[in-house]
Amino acid sequence: MDPADGKKLGHVEQFDFDRGLGTIWSEGHEYLFHCAEILDGSREINVGASVAFVVAHRFGNIEAAEIEKLPN
């Protein structure tokens, strides 16, 4: 279910701290993301973390952007 602000809800499925790349699982789909998209500026996130995000179409890919960490 999407929150009122149009973001999707999901959880971090994988995250490679060295490369800063990960995936988010939401509603049966996997979305790639880069750590620069984490809104709190930390550039780190734990696997299993609950998140809200928007879907972005970039370079022919569908990615997660504007990633907000949510309380678990």
PDB file of N, CA and C in Angstrom:
ATOM      1  N   MET A   1       0.838  -1.185   0.000  1.00  0.00           N
ATOM      2  CA  MET A   1       0.000   0.000   0.000  1.00  0.00           C
ATOM      3  C   MET A   1       0.881   1.245   0.000  1.00  0.00           C
ATOM      4  N   ASP A   2       0.545   2.227  -0.785  1.00  0.00           N
ATOM      5  CA  ASP A   2       1.325   3.454  -0.871  1.00  0.00           C
ATOM      6  C   ASP A   2       0.872   4.452   0.186  1.00  0.00           C
ATOM      7  N   PRO A   3       1.836   5.104   0.854  1.00  0.00           N
ATOM      8  CA  PRO A   3       1.463   6.183   1.779  1.00  0.00           C
ATOM      9  C   PRO A   3       0.828   7.343   1.013  1.00  0.00           C
ATOM     10  N   ALA A   4       0.223   8.260   1.737  1.00  0.00           N
ATOM     11  CA  ALA A   4      -0.479   9.393   1.120  1.00  0.00           C
ATOM     12  C   ALA A   4       0.441  10.271   0.278  1.00  0.00           C
ATOM     13  N   ASP A   5       1.738  10.287   0.567  1.00  0.00           N
ATOM     14  CA  ASP A   5       2.664  11.148  -0.182  1.00  0.00           C
ATOM     15  C   ASP A   5       3.129  10.518  -1.494  1.00  0.00           C
ATOM     16  N   GLY A   6       2.585   9.362  -1.862  1.00  0.00           N
ATOM     17  CA  GLY A   6       2.927   8.733  -3.123  1.00  0.00           C
ATOM     18  C   GLY A   6       4.133   7.819  -3.079  1.00  0.00           C
ATOM     19  N   LYS A   7       4.741   7.670  -1.908  1.00  0.00           N
ATOM     20  CA  LYS A   7       5.900   6.781  -1.796  1.00  0.00           C
ATOM     21  C   LYS A   7       5.453   5.340  -1.608  1.00  0.00           C
ATOM     22  N   LYS A   8       6.315   4.434  -2.019  1.00  0.00           N
ATOM     23  CA  LYS A   8       6.086   3.013  -1.813  1.00  0.00           C
ATOM     24  C   LYS A   8       6.743   2.608  -0.502  1.00  0.00           C
ATOM     25  N   LEU A   9       6.245   1.533   0.096  1.00  0.00           N
ATOM     26  CA  LEU A   9       6.828   0.963   1.301  1.00  0.00           C
ATOM     27  C   LEU A   9       7.530  -0.333   0.933  1.00  0.00           C
ATOM     28  N   GLY A  10       8.655  -0.608   1.576  1.00  0.00           N
ATOM     29  CA  GLY A  10       9.377  -1.842   1.321  1.00  0.00           C
ATOM     30  C   GLY A  10      10.426  -2.080   2.380  1.00  0.00           C
ATOM     31  N   HIS A  11      11.327  -3.031   2.103  1.00  0.00           N
ATOM     32  CA  HIS A  11      12.437  -3.295   3.016  1.00  0.00           C
ATOM     33  C   HIS A  11      13.704  -3.558   2.202  1.00  0.00           C
ATOM     34  N   VAL A  12      14.820  -3.258   2.827  1.00  0.00           N
ATOM     35  CA  VAL A  12      16.120  -3.462   2.172  1.00  0.00           C
ATOM     36  C   VAL A  12      16.404  -4.956   2.148  1.00  0.00           C
ATOM     37  N   GLU A  13      16.572  -5.484   0.952  1.00  0.00           N
ATOM     38  CA  GLU A  13      16.814  -6.908   0.775  1.00  0.00           C
ATOM     39  C   GLU A  13      18.309  -7.219   0.786  1.00  0.00           C
ATOM     40  N   GLN A  14      19.103  -6.340   0.171  1.00  0.00           N
ATOM     41  CA  GLN A  14      20.563  -6.499   0.113  1.00  0.00           C
ATOM     42  C   GLN A  14      21.195  -5.126   0.165  1.00  0.00           C
ATOM     43  N   PHE A  15      22.423  -5.054   0.718  1.00  0.00           N
ATOM     44  CA  PHE A  15      23.171  -3.812   0.656  1.00  0.00           C
ATOM     45  C   PHE A  15      24.649  -4.123   0.748  1.00  0.00           C
ATOM     46  N   ASP A  16      25.409  -3.679  -0.246  1.00  0.00           N
ATOM     47  CA  ASP A  16      26.863  -3.841  -0.290  1.00  0.00           C
ATOM     48  C   ASP A  16      27.481  -2.530   0.200  1.00  0.00           C
ATOM     49  N   PHE A  17      27.976  -2.521   1.443  1.00  0.00           N
ATOM     50  CA  PHE A  17      28.517  -1.304   2.042  1.00  0.00           C
ATOM     51  C   PHE A  17      29.699  -0.753   1.260  1.00  0.00           C
ATOM     52  N   ASP A  18      30.545  -1.637   0.712  1.00  0.00           N
ATOM     53  CA  ASP A  18      31.724  -1.188  -0.037  1.00  0.00           C
ATOM     54  C   ASP A  18      31.358  -0.482  -1.332  1.00  0.00           C
ATOM     55  N   ARG A  19      30.385  -0.993  -2.055  1.00  0.00           N
ATOM     56  CA  ARG A  19      29.982  -0.395  -3.337  1.00  0.00           C
ATOM     57  C   ARG A  19      28.867   0.627  -3.183  1.00  0.00           C
ATOM     58  N   GLY A  20      28.128   0.570  -2.070  1.00  0.00           N
ATOM     59  CA  GLY A  20      27.025   1.497  -1.860  1.00  0.00           C
ATOM     60  C   GLY A  20      25.793   1.158  -2.671  1.00  0.00           C
ATOM     61  N   LEU A  21      25.688  -0.085  -3.125  1.00  0.00           N
ATOM     62  CA  LEU A  21      24.557  -0.522  -3.945  1.00  0.00           C
ATOM     63  C   LEU A  21      23.713  -1.529  -3.194  1.00  0.00           C
ATOM     64  N   GLY A  22      22.404  -1.464  -3.429  1.00  0.00           N
ATOM     65  CA  GLY A  22      21.528  -2.409  -2.769  1.00  0.00           C
ATOM     66  C   GLY A  22      20.235  -2.594  -3.520  1.00  0.00           C
ATOM     67  N   THR A  23      19.356  -3.389  -2.919  1.00  0.00           N
ATOM     68  CA  THR A  23      18.031  -3.616  -3.489  1.00  0.00           C
ATOM     69  C   THR A  23      16.982  -3.475  -2.395  1.00  0.00           C
ATOM     70  N   ILE A  24      15.823  -3.012  -2.815  1.00  0.00           N
ATOM     71  CA  ILE A  24      14.661  -2.907  -1.946  1.00  0.00           C
ATOM     72  C   ILE A  24      13.571  -3.791  -2.538  1.00  0.00           C
ATOM     73  N   TRP A  25      12.885  -4.544  -1.682  1.00  0.00           N
ATOM     74  CA  TRP A  25      11.775  -5.392  -2.096  1.00  0.00           C
ATOM     75  C   TRP A  25      10.473  -4.715  -1.696  1.00  0.00           C
ATOM     76  N   SER A  26       9.555  -4.558  -2.657  1.00  0.00           N
ATOM     77  CA  SER A  26       8.271  -3.923  -2.387  1.00  0.00           C
ATOM     78  C   SER A  26       7.217  -4.465  -3.339  1.00  0.00           C
ATOM     79  N   GLU A  27       6.124  -4.924  -2.795  1.00  0.00           N
ATOM     80  CA  GLU A  27       4.969  -5.353  -3.578  1.00  0.00           C
ATOM     81  C   GLU A  27       5.331  -6.319  -4.710  1.00  0.00           C
ATOM     82  N   GLY A  28       6.208  -7.269  -4.411  1.00  0.00           N
ATOM     83  CA  GLY A  28       6.574  -8.279  -5.391  1.00  0.00           C
ATOM     84  C   GLY A  28       7.597  -7.839  -6.421  1.00  0.00           C
ATOM     85  N   HIS A  29       8.197  -6.661  -6.233  1.00  0.00           N
ATOM     86  CA  HIS A  29       9.208  -6.156  -7.164  1.00  0.00           C
ATOM     87  C   HIS A  29      10.481  -5.793  -6.417  1.00  0.00           C
ATOM     88  N   GLU A  30      11.586  -5.922  -7.135  1.00  0.00           N
ATOM     89  CA  GLU A  30      12.896  -5.557  -6.588  1.00  0.00           C
ATOM     90  C   GLU A  30      13.364  -4.271  -7.263  1.00  0.00           C
ATOM     91  N   TYR A  31      13.820  -3.302  -6.463  1.00  0.00           N
ATOM     92  CA  TYR A  31      14.283  -2.012  -6.966  1.00  0.00           C
ATOM     93  C   TYR A  31      15.735  -1.804  -6.557  1.00  0.00           C
ATOM     94  N   LEU A  32      16.583  -1.513  -7.515  1.00  0.00           N
ATOM     95  CA  LEU A  32      17.976  -1.197  -7.233  1.00  0.00           C
ATOM     96  C   LEU A  32      18.074   0.203  -6.647  1.00  0.00           C
ATOM     97  N   PHE A  33      19.107   0.451  -5.822  1.00  0.00           N
ATOM     98  CA  PHE A  33      19.346   1.804  -5.334  1.00  0.00           C
ATOM     99  C   PHE A  33      20.827   2.012  -5.054  1.00  0.00           C
ATOM    100  N   HIS A  34      21.221   3.279  -5.027  1.00  0.00           N
ATOM    101  CA  HIS A  34      22.562   3.682  -4.638  1.00  0.00           C
ATOM    102  C   HIS A  34      22.460   4.419  -3.318  1.00  0.00           C
ATOM    103  N   CYS A  35      23.477   4.293  -2.482  1.00  0.00           N
ATOM    104  CA  CYS A  35      23.439   4.877  -1.137  1.00  0.00           C
ATOM    105  C   CYS A  35      23.249   6.395  -1.142  1.00  0.00           C
ATOM    106  N   ALA A  36      23.567   7.070  -2.226  1.00  0.00           N
ATOM    107  CA  ALA A  36      23.371   8.520  -2.308  1.00  0.00           C
ATOM    108  C   ALA A  36      21.891   8.884  -2.253  1.00  0.00           C
ATOM    109  N   GLU A  37      21.002   7.910  -2.474  1.00  0.00           N
ATOM    110  CA  GLU A  37      19.558   8.157  -2.442  1.00  0.00           C
ATOM    111  C   GLU A  37      18.965   8.070  -1.039  1.00  0.00           C
ATOM    112  N   ILE A  38      19.769   7.730  -0.025  1.00  0.00           N
ATOM    113  CA  ILE A  38      19.280   7.652   1.351  1.00  0.00           C
ATOM    114  C   ILE A  38      19.190   9.078   1.889  1.00  0.00           C
ATOM    115  N   LEU A  39      17.996   9.510   2.232  1.00  0.00           N
ATOM    116  CA  LEU A  39      17.737  10.914   2.546  1.00  0.00           C
ATOM    117  C   LEU A  39      18.442  11.443   3.781  1.00  0.00           C
ATOM    118  N   ASP A  40      18.770  10.597   4.756  1.00  0.00           N
ATOM    119  CA  ASP A  40      19.393  11.128   5.973  1.00  0.00           C
ATOM    120  C   ASP A  40      20.875  11.447   5.801  1.00  0.00           C
ATOM    121  N   GLY A  41      21.431  11.163   4.617  1.00  0.00           N
ATOM    122  CA  GLY A  41      22.818  11.497   4.326  1.00  0.00           C
ATOM    123  C   GLY A  41      23.843  10.520   4.882  1.00  0.00           C
ATOM    124  N   SER A  42      23.399   9.469   5.547  1.00  0.00           N
ATOM    125  CA  SER A  42      24.330   8.518   6.166  1.00  0.00           C
ATOM    126  C   SER A  42      25.048   7.637   5.152  1.00  0.00           C
ATOM    127  N   ARG A  43      24.422   7.404   4.004  1.00  0.00           N
ATOM    128  CA  ARG A  43      24.940   6.525   2.952  1.00  0.00           C
ATOM    129  C   ARG A  43      25.087   5.073   3.418  1.00  0.00           C
ATOM    130  N   GLU A  44      24.431   4.732   4.526  1.00  0.00           N
ATOM    131  CA  GLU A  44      24.432   3.355   5.031  1.00  0.00           C
ATOM    132  C   GLU A  44      23.024   2.977   5.464  1.00  0.00           C
ATOM    133  N   ILE A  45      22.700   1.690   5.299  1.00  0.00           N
ATOM    134  CA  ILE A  45      21.393   1.189   5.716  1.00  0.00           C
ATOM    135  C   ILE A  45      21.531  -0.300   5.983  1.00  0.00           C
ATOM    136  N   ASN A  46      20.802  -0.787   6.953  1.00  0.00           N
ATOM    137  CA  ASN A  46      20.880  -2.198   7.319  1.00  0.00           C
ATOM    138  C   ASN A  46      19.936  -3.043   6.470  1.00  0.00           C
ATOM    139  N   VAL A  47      20.377  -4.261   6.178  1.00  0.00           N
ATOM    140  CA  VAL A  47      19.507  -5.225   5.506  1.00  0.00           C
ATOM    141  C   VAL A  47      18.323  -5.482   6.432  1.00  0.00           C
ATOM    142  N   GLY A  48      17.135  -5.487   5.877  1.00  0.00           N
ATOM    143  CA  GLY A  48      15.923  -5.695   6.647  1.00  0.00           C
ATOM    144  C   GLY A  48      15.252  -4.405   7.084  1.00  0.00           C
ATOM    145  N   ALA A  49      15.934  -3.262   6.905  1.00  0.00           N
ATOM    146  CA  ALA A  49      15.356  -1.977   7.307  1.00  0.00           C
ATOM    147  C   ALA A  49      14.100  -1.678   6.516  1.00  0.00           C
ATOM    148  N   SER A  50      13.089  -1.153   7.199  1.00  0.00           N
ATOM    149  CA  SER A  50      11.863  -0.710   6.534  1.00  0.00           C
ATOM    150  C   SER A  50      12.109   0.666   5.934  1.00  0.00           C
ATOM    151  N   VAL A  51      11.620   0.879   4.718  1.00  0.00           N
ATOM    152  CA  VAL A  51      11.859   2.141   4.020  1.00  0.00           C
ATOM    153  C   VAL A  51      10.619   2.599   3.261  1.00  0.00           C
ATOM    154  N   ALA A  52      10.595   3.895   2.978  1.00  0.00           N
ATOM    155  CA  ALA A  52       9.641   4.488   2.041  1.00  0.00           C
ATOM    156  C   ALA A  52      10.495   5.094   0.934  1.00  0.00           C
ATOM    157  N   PHE A  53      10.017   5.036  -0.306  1.00  0.00           N
ATOM    158  CA  PHE A  53      10.821   5.511  -1.438  1.00  0.00           C
ATOM    159  C   PHE A  53       9.921   5.847  -2.611  1.00  0.00           C
ATOM    160  N   VAL A  54      10.482   6.542  -3.569  1.00  0.00           N
ATOM    161  CA  VAL A  54       9.781   6.789  -4.823  1.00  0.00           C
ATOM    162  C   VAL A  54      10.477   5.982  -5.914  1.00  0.00           C
ATOM    163  N   VAL A  55       9.736   5.666  -6.949  1.00  0.00           N
ATOM    164  CA  VAL A  55      10.273   4.932  -8.091  1.00  0.00           C
ATOM    165  C   VAL A  55      10.779   5.944  -9.109  1.00  0.00           C
ATOM    166  N   ALA A  56      12.021   5.745  -9.568  1.00  0.00           N
ATOM    167  CA  ALA A  56      12.628   6.639 -10.557  1.00  0.00           C
ATOM    168  C   ALA A  56      13.012   5.821 -11.788  1.00  0.00           C
ATOM    169  N   HIS A  57      12.841   6.417 -12.960  1.00  0.00           N
ATOM    170  CA  HIS A  57      13.245   5.791 -14.220  1.00  0.00           C
ATOM    171  C   HIS A  57      14.514   6.491 -14.676  1.00  0.00           C
ATOM    172  N   ARG A  58      15.653   5.759 -14.620  1.00  0.00           N
ATOM    173  CA  ARG A  58      16.945   6.344 -14.970  1.00  0.00           C
ATOM    174  C   ARG A  58      17.750   5.393 -15.841  1.00  0.00           C
ATOM    175  N   PHE A  59      18.279   5.930 -16.906  1.00  0.00           N
ATOM    176  CA  PHE A  59      19.176   5.177 -17.789  1.00  0.00           C
ATOM    177  C   PHE A  59      18.590   3.821 -18.181  1.00  0.00           C
ATOM    178  N   GLY A  60      17.283   3.802 -18.432  1.00  0.00           N
ATOM    179  CA  GLY A  60      16.624   2.573 -18.858  1.00  0.00           C
ATOM    180  C   GLY A  60      16.320   1.604 -17.733  1.00  0.00           C
ATOM    181  N   ASN A  61      16.568   2.002 -16.488  1.00  0.00           N
ATOM    182  CA  ASN A  61      16.307   1.148 -15.327  1.00  0.00           C
ATOM    183  C   ASN A  61      15.225   1.765 -14.457  1.00  0.00           C
ATOM    184  N   ILE A  62      14.579   0.912 -13.687  1.00  0.00           N
ATOM    185  CA  ILE A  62      13.641   1.372 -12.675  1.00  0.00           C
ATOM    186  C   ILE A  62      14.357   1.215 -11.342  1.00  0.00           C
ATOM    187  N   GLU A  63      14.507   2.326 -10.605  1.00  0.00           N
ATOM    188  CA  GLU A  63      15.277   2.338  -9.371  1.00  0.00           C
ATOM    189  C   GLU A  63      14.487   2.964  -8.232  1.00  0.00           C
ATOM    190  N   ALA A  64      14.976   2.736  -7.011  1.00  0.00           N
ATOM    191  CA  ALA A  64      14.423   3.397  -5.828  1.00  0.00           C
ATOM    192  C   ALA A  64      15.192   4.696  -5.605  1.00  0.00           C
ATOM    193  N   ALA A  65      14.466   5.768  -5.287  1.00  0.00           N
ATOM    194  CA  ALA A  65      15.076   7.070  -5.027  1.00  0.00           C
ATOM    195  C   ALA A  65      14.412   7.686  -3.798  1.00  0.00           C
ATOM    196  N   GLU A  66      15.040   8.725  -3.262  1.00  0.00           N
ATOM    197  CA  GLU A  66      14.492   9.442  -2.099  1.00  0.00           C
ATOM    198  C   GLU A  66      14.119   8.462  -0.983  1.00  0.00           C
ATOM    199  N   ILE A  67      15.079   7.624  -0.600  1.00  0.00           N
ATOM    200  CA  ILE A  67      14.836   6.557   0.365  1.00  0.00           C
ATOM    201  C   ILE A  67      14.834   7.108   1.793  1.00  0.00           C
ATOM    202  N   GLU A  68      13.728   6.849   2.475  1.00  0.00           N
ATOM    203  CA  GLU A  68      13.569   7.306   3.853  1.00  0.00           C
ATOM    204  C   GLU A  68      13.528   6.087   4.764  1.00  0.00           C
ATOM    205  N   LYS A  69      14.405   6.047   5.766  1.00  0.00           N
ATOM    206  CA  LYS A  69      14.400   4.955   6.747  1.00  0.00           C
ATOM    207  C   LYS A  69      13.186   5.138   7.649  1.00  0.00           C
ATOM    208  N   LEU A  70      12.499   4.019   7.929  1.00  0.00           N
ATOM    209  CA  LEU A  70      11.330   4.044   8.793  1.00  0.00           C
ATOM    210  C   LEU A  70      11.640   3.241  10.065  1.00  0.00           C
ATOM    211  N   PRO A  71      10.948   3.565  11.154  1.00  0.00           N
ATOM    212  CA  PRO A  71      11.133   2.752  12.366  1.00  0.00           C
ATOM    213  C   PRO A  71      10.668   1.317  12.087  1.00  0.00           C
ATOM    214  N   ASN A  72      11.421   0.345  12.562  1.00  0.00           N
ATOM    215  CA  ASN A  72      11.041  -1.071  12.351  1.00  0.00           C
ATOM    216  C   ASN A  72      10.039  -1.485  13.318  1.00  0.00           C
TER     217      ASN A  72
END
